N, C-alpha and C. Protein backbone atom coordinates (compact mmCIF):
# COMPACT_ATOMS: atom_id res chain seq x y z
N UNK A 1 -43.32 1.98 -57.95
CA UNK A 1 -42.60 0.71 -57.94
C UNK A 1 -41.52 0.75 -59.02
N UNK A 2 -40.26 0.49 -58.62
CA UNK A 2 -39.18 0.52 -59.62
C UNK A 2 -39.05 -0.83 -60.33
N UNK A 3 -38.16 -0.89 -61.30
CA UNK A 3 -38.01 -2.09 -62.14
C UNK A 3 -37.68 -3.33 -61.31
N UNK A 4 -36.75 -3.17 -60.36
CA UNK A 4 -36.35 -4.31 -59.54
C UNK A 4 -37.53 -4.80 -58.69
N UNK A 5 -38.30 -3.86 -58.14
CA UNK A 5 -39.46 -4.25 -57.34
C UNK A 5 -40.45 -5.06 -58.18
N UNK A 6 -40.63 -4.67 -59.44
CA UNK A 6 -41.55 -5.40 -60.32
C UNK A 6 -41.04 -6.81 -60.61
N UNK A 7 -39.74 -6.92 -60.88
CA UNK A 7 -39.16 -8.23 -61.19
C UNK A 7 -39.21 -9.15 -59.98
N UNK A 8 -38.83 -8.61 -58.83
CA UNK A 8 -38.69 -9.44 -57.64
C UNK A 8 -39.94 -9.47 -56.77
N UNK A 9 -40.91 -8.62 -57.09
CA UNK A 9 -42.15 -8.56 -56.33
C UNK A 9 -41.88 -8.33 -54.85
N UNK A 10 -41.11 -7.28 -54.55
CA UNK A 10 -40.78 -6.96 -53.16
C UNK A 10 -41.06 -5.49 -52.88
N UNK A 11 -41.05 -5.17 -51.61
CA UNK A 11 -41.15 -3.77 -51.20
C UNK A 11 -39.87 -3.41 -50.46
N UNK A 12 -39.71 -2.13 -50.24
CA UNK A 12 -38.53 -1.62 -49.54
C UNK A 12 -38.37 -2.32 -48.19
N UNK A 13 -37.17 -2.85 -47.95
CA UNK A 13 -36.83 -3.52 -46.69
C UNK A 13 -36.78 -2.48 -45.57
N UNK A 14 -37.63 -2.63 -44.57
CA UNK A 14 -37.76 -1.60 -43.54
C UNK A 14 -36.90 -1.83 -42.31
N UNK A 15 -36.13 -2.91 -42.27
CA UNK A 15 -35.22 -3.13 -41.15
C UNK A 15 -34.10 -2.10 -41.28
N UNK A 16 -33.82 -1.41 -40.21
CA UNK A 16 -32.83 -0.32 -40.24
C UNK A 16 -31.42 -0.87 -40.11
N UNK A 17 -30.47 -0.29 -40.86
CA UNK A 17 -29.08 -0.72 -40.70
C UNK A 17 -28.52 -0.22 -39.37
N UNK A 18 -27.70 -1.03 -38.76
CA UNK A 18 -26.99 -0.64 -37.54
C UNK A 18 -25.82 -1.58 -37.35
N UNK A 19 -24.91 -1.20 -36.47
CA UNK A 19 -23.75 -2.04 -36.20
C UNK A 19 -24.21 -3.45 -35.80
N UNK A 20 -23.60 -4.45 -36.42
CA UNK A 20 -23.92 -5.84 -36.13
C UNK A 20 -24.95 -6.45 -37.07
N UNK A 21 -25.61 -5.63 -37.90
CA UNK A 21 -26.57 -6.16 -38.86
C UNK A 21 -25.84 -6.65 -40.11
N UNK A 22 -26.52 -7.51 -40.86
CA UNK A 22 -25.98 -8.03 -42.11
C UNK A 22 -26.71 -7.39 -43.28
N UNK A 23 -25.97 -7.11 -44.34
CA UNK A 23 -26.54 -6.65 -45.60
C UNK A 23 -26.44 -7.80 -46.59
N UNK A 24 -27.57 -8.19 -47.16
CA UNK A 24 -27.60 -9.25 -48.17
C UNK A 24 -27.85 -8.59 -49.52
N UNK A 25 -26.95 -8.79 -50.47
CA UNK A 25 -27.09 -8.17 -51.79
C UNK A 25 -28.26 -8.78 -52.55
N UNK A 26 -29.02 -7.93 -53.26
CA UNK A 26 -30.07 -8.44 -54.12
C UNK A 26 -29.43 -9.26 -55.25
N UNK A 27 -30.16 -10.21 -55.84
CA UNK A 27 -29.54 -11.20 -56.73
C UNK A 27 -28.95 -10.66 -58.02
N UNK A 28 -29.39 -9.49 -58.48
CA UNK A 28 -28.89 -8.98 -59.76
C UNK A 28 -27.84 -7.88 -59.59
N UNK A 29 -27.39 -7.65 -58.38
CA UNK A 29 -26.38 -6.63 -58.15
C UNK A 29 -25.10 -7.07 -58.86
N UNK A 30 -24.78 -6.39 -59.95
CA UNK A 30 -23.64 -6.78 -60.79
C UNK A 30 -22.42 -5.97 -60.41
N UNK A 31 -21.64 -6.51 -59.51
CA UNK A 31 -20.45 -5.83 -59.03
C UNK A 31 -19.46 -6.90 -58.60
N UNK A 32 -18.20 -6.72 -58.96
CA UNK A 32 -17.18 -7.74 -58.65
C UNK A 32 -17.08 -8.00 -57.15
N UNK A 33 -17.20 -6.96 -56.36
CA UNK A 33 -17.13 -7.12 -54.91
C UNK A 33 -18.48 -7.53 -54.32
N UNK A 34 -19.54 -6.83 -54.70
CA UNK A 34 -20.80 -6.95 -53.98
C UNK A 34 -21.81 -7.91 -54.57
N UNK A 35 -21.58 -8.45 -55.76
CA UNK A 35 -22.52 -9.42 -56.33
C UNK A 35 -22.69 -10.62 -55.40
N UNK A 36 -23.93 -10.90 -54.99
CA UNK A 36 -24.28 -12.01 -54.10
C UNK A 36 -23.46 -11.99 -52.80
N UNK A 37 -23.18 -10.81 -52.32
CA UNK A 37 -22.36 -10.69 -51.11
C UNK A 37 -23.20 -10.56 -49.85
N UNK A 38 -22.55 -10.85 -48.73
CA UNK A 38 -23.10 -10.63 -47.40
C UNK A 38 -22.09 -9.75 -46.67
N UNK A 39 -22.56 -8.60 -46.20
CA UNK A 39 -21.68 -7.64 -45.53
C UNK A 39 -22.10 -7.53 -44.07
N UNK A 40 -21.15 -7.70 -43.16
CA UNK A 40 -21.40 -7.48 -41.75
C UNK A 40 -21.04 -6.03 -41.43
N UNK A 41 -22.02 -5.26 -40.95
CA UNK A 41 -21.75 -3.86 -40.60
C UNK A 41 -21.00 -3.81 -39.27
N UNK A 42 -19.76 -3.33 -39.34
CA UNK A 42 -18.94 -3.18 -38.14
C UNK A 42 -19.14 -1.81 -37.52
N UNK A 43 -19.74 -0.89 -38.28
CA UNK A 43 -20.02 0.44 -37.78
C UNK A 43 -21.06 1.11 -38.65
N UNK A 44 -21.98 1.84 -38.01
CA UNK A 44 -23.00 2.57 -38.75
C UNK A 44 -23.45 3.76 -37.92
N UNK A 45 -23.46 4.94 -38.53
CA UNK A 45 -23.88 6.13 -37.80
C UNK A 45 -24.00 7.32 -38.73
N UNK A 46 -24.06 8.50 -38.15
CA UNK A 46 -24.22 9.72 -38.94
C UNK A 46 -23.04 9.97 -39.88
N UNK A 47 -21.88 9.44 -39.54
CA UNK A 47 -20.68 9.66 -40.36
C UNK A 47 -20.57 8.66 -41.51
N UNK A 48 -21.49 7.72 -41.59
CA UNK A 48 -21.47 6.74 -42.66
C UNK A 48 -21.48 5.32 -42.12
N UNK A 49 -21.16 4.39 -42.99
CA UNK A 49 -21.20 2.97 -42.62
C UNK A 49 -19.91 2.28 -43.05
N UNK A 50 -19.56 1.25 -42.30
CA UNK A 50 -18.33 0.49 -42.51
C UNK A 50 -18.67 -0.98 -42.31
N UNK A 51 -18.25 -1.82 -43.25
CA UNK A 51 -18.54 -3.25 -43.11
C UNK A 51 -17.51 -4.11 -43.80
N UNK A 52 -17.66 -5.41 -43.62
CA UNK A 52 -16.75 -6.40 -44.20
C UNK A 52 -17.57 -7.46 -44.93
N UNK A 53 -17.19 -7.78 -46.15
CA UNK A 53 -17.84 -8.84 -46.91
C UNK A 53 -17.38 -10.17 -46.30
N UNK A 54 -18.32 -10.96 -45.82
CA UNK A 54 -17.94 -12.16 -45.07
C UNK A 54 -18.14 -13.46 -45.85
N UNK A 55 -18.43 -13.35 -47.16
CA UNK A 55 -18.63 -14.59 -47.93
C UNK A 55 -17.83 -14.62 -49.24
N UNK A 56 -16.71 -13.90 -49.28
CA UNK A 56 -15.87 -13.90 -50.49
C UNK A 56 -14.43 -14.29 -50.11
N UNK A 57 -14.22 -15.58 -49.80
CA UNK A 57 -12.86 -16.01 -49.43
C UNK A 57 -11.91 -15.96 -50.61
N UNK A 58 -10.64 -15.77 -50.31
CA UNK A 58 -9.62 -15.81 -51.36
C UNK A 58 -8.63 -16.91 -51.01
N UNK A 59 -8.00 -17.46 -52.02
CA UNK A 59 -7.10 -18.59 -51.84
C UNK A 59 -5.69 -18.12 -51.55
N UNK A 60 -5.52 -17.52 -50.40
CA UNK A 60 -4.21 -17.06 -49.96
C UNK A 60 -4.17 -17.16 -48.44
N UNK A 61 -3.01 -17.42 -47.90
CA UNK A 61 -2.85 -17.49 -46.45
C UNK A 61 -2.38 -16.14 -45.92
N UNK A 62 -2.75 -15.84 -44.69
CA UNK A 62 -2.41 -14.53 -44.12
C UNK A 62 -0.90 -14.34 -44.01
N UNK A 63 -0.15 -15.41 -43.77
CA UNK A 63 1.31 -15.27 -43.66
C UNK A 63 1.94 -15.00 -45.04
N UNK A 64 1.20 -15.23 -46.12
CA UNK A 64 1.69 -14.89 -47.45
C UNK A 64 1.49 -13.40 -47.75
N UNK A 65 0.61 -12.77 -46.98
CA UNK A 65 0.32 -11.35 -47.16
C UNK A 65 1.18 -10.49 -46.24
N UNK A 66 1.30 -10.93 -44.98
CA UNK A 66 2.05 -10.17 -43.98
C UNK A 66 3.41 -10.82 -43.80
N UNK A 67 4.45 -10.14 -44.26
CA UNK A 67 5.80 -10.69 -44.18
C UNK A 67 6.23 -10.85 -42.73
N UNK A 68 6.88 -11.97 -42.46
CA UNK A 68 7.40 -12.24 -41.13
C UNK A 68 6.40 -12.88 -40.18
N UNK A 69 5.18 -13.03 -40.62
CA UNK A 69 4.16 -13.66 -39.77
C UNK A 69 4.31 -15.17 -39.86
N UNK A 70 4.18 -15.88 -38.72
CA UNK A 70 4.28 -17.34 -38.79
C UNK A 70 3.10 -17.93 -39.56
N UNK A 71 3.26 -19.15 -40.03
CA UNK A 71 2.17 -19.81 -40.76
C UNK A 71 0.95 -19.92 -39.86
N UNK A 72 -0.19 -19.57 -40.46
CA UNK A 72 -1.44 -19.57 -39.70
C UNK A 72 -2.57 -19.81 -40.68
N UNK A 73 -3.44 -20.78 -40.40
CA UNK A 73 -4.42 -21.24 -41.38
C UNK A 73 -5.77 -20.57 -41.35
N UNK A 74 -5.89 -19.38 -40.74
CA UNK A 74 -7.19 -18.69 -40.70
C UNK A 74 -7.61 -18.28 -42.11
N UNK A 75 -8.93 -18.20 -42.33
CA UNK A 75 -9.44 -17.81 -43.64
C UNK A 75 -9.19 -16.32 -43.91
N UNK A 76 -8.99 -16.02 -45.20
CA UNK A 76 -8.80 -14.64 -45.65
C UNK A 76 -9.89 -14.34 -46.68
N UNK A 77 -10.51 -13.16 -46.56
CA UNK A 77 -11.62 -12.76 -47.42
C UNK A 77 -11.34 -11.42 -48.09
N UNK A 78 -12.04 -11.17 -49.19
CA UNK A 78 -12.09 -9.83 -49.75
C UNK A 78 -13.09 -9.06 -48.90
N UNK A 79 -12.62 -8.07 -48.18
CA UNK A 79 -13.51 -7.33 -47.29
C UNK A 79 -14.28 -6.23 -47.97
N UNK A 80 -13.74 -5.74 -49.09
CA UNK A 80 -14.38 -4.66 -49.82
C UNK A 80 -13.37 -3.86 -50.61
N UNK A 81 -13.85 -2.88 -51.36
CA UNK A 81 -12.97 -2.14 -52.28
C UNK A 81 -12.16 -1.01 -51.66
N UNK A 82 -12.42 -0.69 -50.39
CA UNK A 82 -11.72 0.44 -49.76
C UNK A 82 -10.47 -0.08 -49.04
N UNK A 83 -9.32 0.57 -49.28
CA UNK A 83 -8.05 0.15 -48.68
C UNK A 83 -7.83 -1.35 -48.87
N UNK A 84 -7.93 -1.80 -50.10
CA UNK A 84 -7.90 -3.24 -50.40
C UNK A 84 -6.53 -3.89 -50.19
N UNK A 85 -5.50 -3.12 -49.85
CA UNK A 85 -4.20 -3.71 -49.54
C UNK A 85 -3.95 -3.76 -48.03
N UNK A 86 -4.91 -3.29 -47.25
CA UNK A 86 -4.77 -3.33 -45.79
C UNK A 86 -5.55 -4.50 -45.22
N UNK A 87 -5.08 -5.01 -44.08
CA UNK A 87 -5.67 -6.18 -43.44
C UNK A 87 -6.53 -5.75 -42.24
N UNK A 88 -7.74 -6.30 -42.18
CA UNK A 88 -8.66 -6.08 -41.07
C UNK A 88 -9.06 -7.46 -40.54
N UNK A 89 -9.64 -7.52 -39.34
CA UNK A 89 -9.99 -8.83 -38.80
C UNK A 89 -11.17 -8.79 -37.83
N UNK A 90 -11.91 -9.93 -37.87
CA UNK A 90 -12.96 -10.24 -36.91
C UNK A 90 -12.49 -11.44 -36.12
N UNK A 91 -12.91 -11.54 -34.86
CA UNK A 91 -12.41 -12.65 -34.04
C UNK A 91 -13.36 -12.96 -32.89
N UNK A 92 -13.08 -14.07 -32.24
CA UNK A 92 -13.84 -14.49 -31.06
C UNK A 92 -12.99 -14.42 -29.80
N UNK A 93 -11.85 -13.73 -29.88
CA UNK A 93 -10.92 -13.64 -28.75
C UNK A 93 -11.47 -12.73 -27.66
N UNK A 94 -12.29 -11.77 -28.04
CA UNK A 94 -12.90 -10.87 -27.07
C UNK A 94 -11.93 -9.85 -26.49
N UNK A 95 -12.15 -9.52 -25.23
CA UNK A 95 -11.37 -8.46 -24.59
C UNK A 95 -9.93 -8.86 -24.31
N UNK A 96 -9.60 -10.15 -24.52
CA UNK A 96 -8.19 -10.56 -24.39
C UNK A 96 -7.33 -9.79 -25.37
N UNK A 97 -7.94 -9.36 -26.48
CA UNK A 97 -7.24 -8.56 -27.49
C UNK A 97 -7.60 -7.10 -27.24
N UNK A 98 -6.65 -6.36 -26.69
CA UNK A 98 -6.91 -4.97 -26.29
C UNK A 98 -7.38 -4.12 -27.47
N UNK A 99 -8.36 -3.27 -27.21
CA UNK A 99 -8.87 -2.37 -28.23
C UNK A 99 -9.93 -2.98 -29.13
N UNK A 100 -10.35 -4.21 -28.84
CA UNK A 100 -11.40 -4.86 -29.65
C UNK A 100 -12.76 -4.25 -29.33
N UNK A 101 -13.67 -4.32 -30.30
CA UNK A 101 -15.04 -3.86 -30.11
C UNK A 101 -15.99 -5.01 -30.46
N UNK A 102 -16.92 -5.31 -29.57
CA UNK A 102 -17.88 -6.37 -29.82
C UNK A 102 -18.96 -5.85 -30.77
N UNK A 103 -19.15 -6.57 -31.89
CA UNK A 103 -20.13 -6.16 -32.89
C UNK A 103 -21.47 -6.83 -32.61
N UNK A 104 -21.43 -8.14 -32.42
CA UNK A 104 -22.60 -8.91 -31.97
C UNK A 104 -22.07 -9.83 -30.87
N UNK A 105 -22.95 -10.37 -30.04
CA UNK A 105 -22.46 -11.23 -28.95
C UNK A 105 -21.51 -12.32 -29.46
N UNK A 106 -20.28 -12.28 -28.94
CA UNK A 106 -19.29 -13.30 -29.28
C UNK A 106 -18.43 -13.02 -30.48
N UNK A 107 -18.69 -11.94 -31.21
CA UNK A 107 -17.88 -11.60 -32.39
C UNK A 107 -17.36 -10.18 -32.25
N UNK A 108 -16.05 -10.06 -32.36
CA UNK A 108 -15.36 -8.81 -32.09
C UNK A 108 -14.64 -8.31 -33.33
N UNK A 109 -14.43 -7.02 -33.36
CA UNK A 109 -13.78 -6.34 -34.48
C UNK A 109 -12.48 -5.69 -34.00
N UNK A 110 -11.40 -5.88 -34.77
CA UNK A 110 -10.15 -5.17 -34.53
C UNK A 110 -9.45 -5.53 -33.24
N UNK A 111 -8.62 -4.61 -32.79
CA UNK A 111 -7.82 -4.81 -31.60
C UNK A 111 -6.35 -4.62 -31.91
N UNK A 112 -5.53 -4.71 -30.89
CA UNK A 112 -4.10 -4.46 -30.99
C UNK A 112 -3.42 -5.49 -31.90
N UNK A 113 -2.90 -5.03 -33.03
CA UNK A 113 -2.29 -5.93 -34.02
C UNK A 113 -1.04 -6.61 -33.48
N UNK A 114 -0.19 -5.87 -32.76
CA UNK A 114 1.04 -6.47 -32.22
C UNK A 114 0.70 -7.60 -31.25
N UNK A 115 -0.30 -7.37 -30.43
CA UNK A 115 -0.73 -8.39 -29.48
C UNK A 115 -1.30 -9.61 -30.23
N UNK A 116 -2.05 -9.35 -31.29
CA UNK A 116 -2.60 -10.44 -32.09
C UNK A 116 -1.48 -11.28 -32.71
N UNK A 117 -0.48 -10.62 -33.32
CA UNK A 117 0.62 -11.36 -33.94
C UNK A 117 1.35 -12.21 -32.89
N UNK A 118 1.52 -11.65 -31.68
CA UNK A 118 2.19 -12.39 -30.61
C UNK A 118 1.36 -13.63 -30.22
N UNK A 119 0.06 -13.48 -30.17
CA UNK A 119 -0.80 -14.62 -29.84
C UNK A 119 -0.70 -15.70 -30.90
N UNK A 120 -0.58 -15.29 -32.16
CA UNK A 120 -0.43 -16.26 -33.25
C UNK A 120 0.92 -16.96 -33.14
N UNK A 121 1.98 -16.20 -32.91
CA UNK A 121 3.32 -16.78 -32.76
C UNK A 121 3.37 -17.77 -31.60
N UNK A 122 2.68 -17.45 -30.51
CA UNK A 122 2.68 -18.32 -29.32
C UNK A 122 1.65 -19.44 -29.41
N UNK A 123 1.01 -19.56 -30.59
CA UNK A 123 0.01 -20.59 -30.86
C UNK A 123 -1.13 -20.58 -29.83
N UNK A 124 -1.57 -19.37 -29.48
CA UNK A 124 -2.67 -19.19 -28.53
C UNK A 124 -4.03 -19.11 -29.21
N UNK A 125 -4.03 -19.05 -30.54
CA UNK A 125 -5.28 -18.90 -31.28
C UNK A 125 -5.54 -20.09 -32.19
N UNK A 126 -6.79 -20.53 -32.23
CA UNK A 126 -7.19 -21.55 -33.19
C UNK A 126 -7.45 -20.88 -34.54
N UNK A 127 -7.26 -21.62 -35.63
CA UNK A 127 -7.49 -21.07 -36.97
C UNK A 127 -8.88 -20.49 -37.14
N UNK A 128 -9.88 -21.13 -36.50
CA UNK A 128 -11.26 -20.68 -36.70
C UNK A 128 -11.71 -19.60 -35.71
N UNK A 129 -10.77 -19.05 -34.94
CA UNK A 129 -11.14 -18.00 -33.99
C UNK A 129 -10.99 -16.60 -34.58
N UNK A 130 -10.49 -16.52 -35.81
CA UNK A 130 -10.27 -15.21 -36.44
C UNK A 130 -10.47 -15.30 -37.95
N UNK A 131 -11.01 -14.24 -38.52
CA UNK A 131 -11.16 -14.11 -39.97
C UNK A 131 -10.43 -12.84 -40.39
N UNK A 132 -9.63 -12.95 -41.44
CA UNK A 132 -8.90 -11.79 -41.96
C UNK A 132 -9.56 -11.29 -43.23
N UNK A 133 -9.43 -9.99 -43.47
CA UNK A 133 -10.05 -9.35 -44.63
C UNK A 133 -9.08 -8.38 -45.28
N UNK A 134 -9.05 -8.43 -46.61
CA UNK A 134 -8.30 -7.41 -47.37
C UNK A 134 -9.30 -6.34 -47.78
N UNK A 135 -9.13 -5.14 -47.24
CA UNK A 135 -10.02 -4.04 -47.55
C UNK A 135 -11.31 -4.10 -46.77
N UNK A 136 -12.10 -3.05 -46.93
CA UNK A 136 -13.40 -3.00 -46.28
C UNK A 136 -14.41 -2.33 -47.21
N UNK A 137 -15.66 -2.36 -46.81
CA UNK A 137 -16.75 -1.75 -47.57
C UNK A 137 -17.21 -0.51 -46.81
N UNK A 138 -17.27 0.61 -47.51
CA UNK A 138 -17.63 1.85 -46.83
C UNK A 138 -18.70 2.63 -47.58
N UNK A 139 -19.51 3.36 -46.83
CA UNK A 139 -20.57 4.20 -47.38
C UNK A 139 -20.49 5.58 -46.74
N UNK A 140 -20.64 6.61 -47.52
CA UNK A 140 -20.69 7.98 -47.01
C UNK A 140 -22.00 8.17 -46.24
N UNK A 141 -22.13 9.27 -45.48
CA UNK A 141 -23.39 9.51 -44.76
C UNK A 141 -24.60 9.42 -45.69
N UNK A 142 -25.60 8.68 -45.27
CA UNK A 142 -26.88 8.49 -45.98
C UNK A 142 -26.78 7.69 -47.29
N UNK A 143 -25.56 7.32 -47.71
CA UNK A 143 -25.41 6.56 -48.95
C UNK A 143 -26.05 5.18 -48.84
N UNK A 144 -25.80 4.49 -47.74
CA UNK A 144 -26.38 3.16 -47.57
C UNK A 144 -27.90 3.23 -47.53
N UNK A 145 -28.44 4.23 -46.84
CA UNK A 145 -29.90 4.36 -46.79
C UNK A 145 -30.48 4.54 -48.19
N UNK A 146 -29.77 5.28 -49.05
CA UNK A 146 -30.21 5.45 -50.44
C UNK A 146 -30.20 4.13 -51.18
N UNK A 147 -29.17 3.31 -50.98
CA UNK A 147 -29.10 2.01 -51.64
C UNK A 147 -30.19 1.07 -51.12
N UNK A 148 -30.53 1.21 -49.85
CA UNK A 148 -31.61 0.39 -49.30
C UNK A 148 -32.95 0.76 -49.93
N UNK A 149 -33.17 2.02 -50.16
CA UNK A 149 -34.42 2.46 -50.80
C UNK A 149 -34.51 1.97 -52.24
N UNK A 150 -33.36 1.71 -52.86
CA UNK A 150 -33.34 1.17 -54.22
C UNK A 150 -33.38 -0.36 -54.21
N UNK A 151 -33.54 -0.93 -53.03
CA UNK A 151 -33.60 -2.40 -52.86
C UNK A 151 -32.32 -3.11 -53.28
N UNK A 152 -31.18 -2.44 -53.13
CA UNK A 152 -29.90 -3.10 -53.42
C UNK A 152 -29.52 -4.10 -52.34
N UNK A 153 -30.04 -3.89 -51.13
CA UNK A 153 -29.68 -4.73 -49.98
C UNK A 153 -30.92 -5.06 -49.16
N UNK A 154 -30.85 -6.21 -48.46
CA UNK A 154 -31.80 -6.55 -47.42
C UNK A 154 -31.01 -6.50 -46.11
N UNK A 155 -31.59 -5.92 -45.09
CA UNK A 155 -30.94 -5.87 -43.78
C UNK A 155 -31.52 -6.98 -42.91
N UNK A 156 -30.65 -7.74 -42.27
CA UNK A 156 -31.09 -8.80 -41.37
C UNK A 156 -30.03 -8.99 -40.29
N UNK A 157 -30.20 -10.01 -39.49
CA UNK A 157 -29.22 -10.30 -38.45
C UNK A 157 -28.98 -11.80 -38.40
N UNK A 158 -27.90 -12.18 -37.74
CA UNK A 158 -27.57 -13.60 -37.57
C UNK A 158 -26.64 -13.72 -36.37
N UNK A 159 -26.59 -14.90 -35.81
CA UNK A 159 -25.72 -15.15 -34.65
C UNK A 159 -24.27 -15.33 -35.09
N UNK A 160 -23.38 -15.18 -34.13
CA UNK A 160 -21.96 -15.42 -34.39
C UNK A 160 -21.76 -16.84 -34.89
N UNK A 161 -22.41 -17.80 -34.26
CA UNK A 161 -22.27 -19.20 -34.66
C UNK A 161 -22.70 -19.39 -36.12
N UNK A 162 -23.84 -18.81 -36.50
CA UNK A 162 -24.31 -18.94 -37.87
C UNK A 162 -23.30 -18.35 -38.84
N UNK A 163 -22.77 -17.18 -38.53
CA UNK A 163 -21.80 -16.52 -39.41
C UNK A 163 -20.53 -17.34 -39.56
N UNK A 164 -20.02 -17.88 -38.45
CA UNK A 164 -18.74 -18.60 -38.49
C UNK A 164 -18.86 -20.05 -38.95
N UNK A 165 -20.00 -20.67 -38.71
CA UNK A 165 -20.13 -22.10 -39.02
C UNK A 165 -20.76 -22.38 -40.39
N UNK A 166 -21.47 -21.41 -40.96
CA UNK A 166 -22.06 -21.63 -42.29
C UNK A 166 -20.97 -21.50 -43.34
N UNK A 167 -20.80 -22.47 -44.22
CA UNK A 167 -19.79 -22.34 -45.28
C UNK A 167 -20.01 -21.04 -46.06
N UNK A 168 -18.94 -20.31 -46.31
CA UNK A 168 -19.08 -19.00 -46.96
C UNK A 168 -19.77 -19.10 -48.32
N UNK A 169 -19.59 -20.22 -49.02
CA UNK A 169 -20.22 -20.39 -50.34
C UNK A 169 -21.74 -20.53 -50.23
N UNK A 170 -22.25 -20.85 -49.03
CA UNK A 170 -23.68 -21.05 -48.84
C UNK A 170 -24.33 -19.95 -48.01
N UNK A 171 -23.54 -18.99 -47.55
CA UNK A 171 -24.04 -17.99 -46.61
C UNK A 171 -25.14 -17.12 -47.20
N UNK A 172 -24.93 -16.61 -48.41
CA UNK A 172 -25.91 -15.74 -49.07
C UNK A 172 -27.26 -16.46 -49.19
N UNK A 173 -27.24 -17.68 -49.74
CA UNK A 173 -28.48 -18.44 -49.93
C UNK A 173 -29.10 -18.85 -48.60
N UNK A 174 -28.29 -19.23 -47.63
CA UNK A 174 -28.81 -19.66 -46.33
C UNK A 174 -29.54 -18.53 -45.63
N UNK A 175 -28.99 -17.33 -45.69
CA UNK A 175 -29.65 -16.18 -45.07
C UNK A 175 -30.99 -15.89 -45.75
N UNK A 176 -31.01 -15.94 -47.08
CA UNK A 176 -32.26 -15.69 -47.81
C UNK A 176 -33.32 -16.72 -47.46
N UNK A 177 -32.91 -17.97 -47.35
CA UNK A 177 -33.88 -19.03 -47.03
C UNK A 177 -34.46 -18.87 -45.63
N UNK A 178 -33.74 -18.18 -44.75
CA UNK A 178 -34.23 -17.94 -43.39
C UNK A 178 -35.19 -16.76 -43.33
N UNK A 179 -35.28 -15.97 -44.40
CA UNK A 179 -36.21 -14.86 -44.45
C UNK A 179 -37.56 -15.35 -44.95
N UNK A 180 -38.51 -14.45 -45.09
CA UNK A 180 -39.83 -14.90 -45.54
C UNK A 180 -39.79 -15.27 -47.03
N UNK A 181 -40.90 -15.83 -47.50
CA UNK A 181 -40.94 -16.38 -48.86
C UNK A 181 -40.73 -15.33 -49.95
N UNK A 182 -40.94 -14.05 -49.64
CA UNK A 182 -40.69 -13.01 -50.63
C UNK A 182 -39.22 -12.99 -51.07
N UNK A 183 -38.34 -13.43 -50.18
CA UNK A 183 -36.91 -13.40 -50.48
C UNK A 183 -36.31 -14.78 -50.74
N UNK A 184 -36.91 -15.81 -50.18
CA UNK A 184 -36.33 -17.15 -50.27
C UNK A 184 -36.14 -17.61 -51.71
N UNK A 185 -37.03 -17.21 -52.62
CA UNK A 185 -36.91 -17.69 -53.99
C UNK A 185 -35.82 -16.96 -54.79
N UNK A 186 -35.24 -15.91 -54.21
CA UNK A 186 -34.13 -15.21 -54.88
C UNK A 186 -32.97 -16.14 -55.21
N UNK A 187 -32.79 -17.17 -54.39
CA UNK A 187 -31.64 -18.07 -54.60
C UNK A 187 -31.74 -18.80 -55.93
N UNK A 188 -32.93 -18.85 -56.52
CA UNK A 188 -33.12 -19.54 -57.80
C UNK A 188 -32.83 -18.66 -59.01
N UNK A 189 -32.64 -17.36 -58.80
CA UNK A 189 -32.34 -16.48 -59.92
C UNK A 189 -30.93 -16.73 -60.43
N UNK A 190 -30.72 -16.73 -61.75
CA UNK A 190 -29.36 -16.90 -62.28
C UNK A 190 -28.51 -15.68 -61.93
N UNK A 191 -27.20 -15.90 -61.78
CA UNK A 191 -26.33 -14.76 -61.48
C UNK A 191 -26.29 -13.77 -62.62
N UNK A 192 -26.37 -14.28 -63.82
CA UNK A 192 -26.40 -13.40 -64.98
C UNK A 192 -27.65 -13.70 -65.78
N UNK A 193 -28.74 -12.91 -65.59
CA UNK A 193 -29.97 -13.20 -66.30
C UNK A 193 -29.85 -13.12 -67.82
N UNK A 194 -28.86 -12.37 -68.32
CA UNK A 194 -28.64 -12.22 -69.75
C UNK A 194 -28.16 -13.53 -70.39
N UNK A 195 -27.62 -14.42 -69.54
CA UNK A 195 -27.05 -15.67 -70.06
C UNK A 195 -28.11 -16.72 -70.36
N UNK A 196 -29.33 -16.50 -69.93
CA UNK A 196 -30.41 -17.48 -70.18
C UNK A 196 -31.02 -17.33 -71.55
């Protein structure tokens, strides 16, 4: 039993990571990007893992990032530390956006950017039908599995509605409260235990 297991009284989370699963950061993970984060895995396989942090919004509009884009009020998030100046997106547009991949029922990843910009210009999209991300979160082959064995993450799942309708500031705690009691009390831990 490692130090974290003793403090939190937990065992290794045995739910396997896969595309469409959520990673919930353990409460003491001290990282600017990943502290108290929720990551949606957009891809997972032998070549590694790729995901987007879905609960770290930033106070900027997408048209302020992409020059020439019309004003559009969709939320923008810090997606992760990899390629943090590039824009990625999740949406509910589905196959209307060519090249999209469905991650979980009703929630799609990527697609043709030119077509997306045209849909925004033509006011064919609602603000809440798409989420934009600066950067992404990536793991080399077997890296994520190693972090799971160290109890850095809990693997779980959630519906598209839950992901899109839960306020991002409450997403981490809401997911924990939906798990068993071994994890639900994590929400009461201070973000910085040294400060107590």
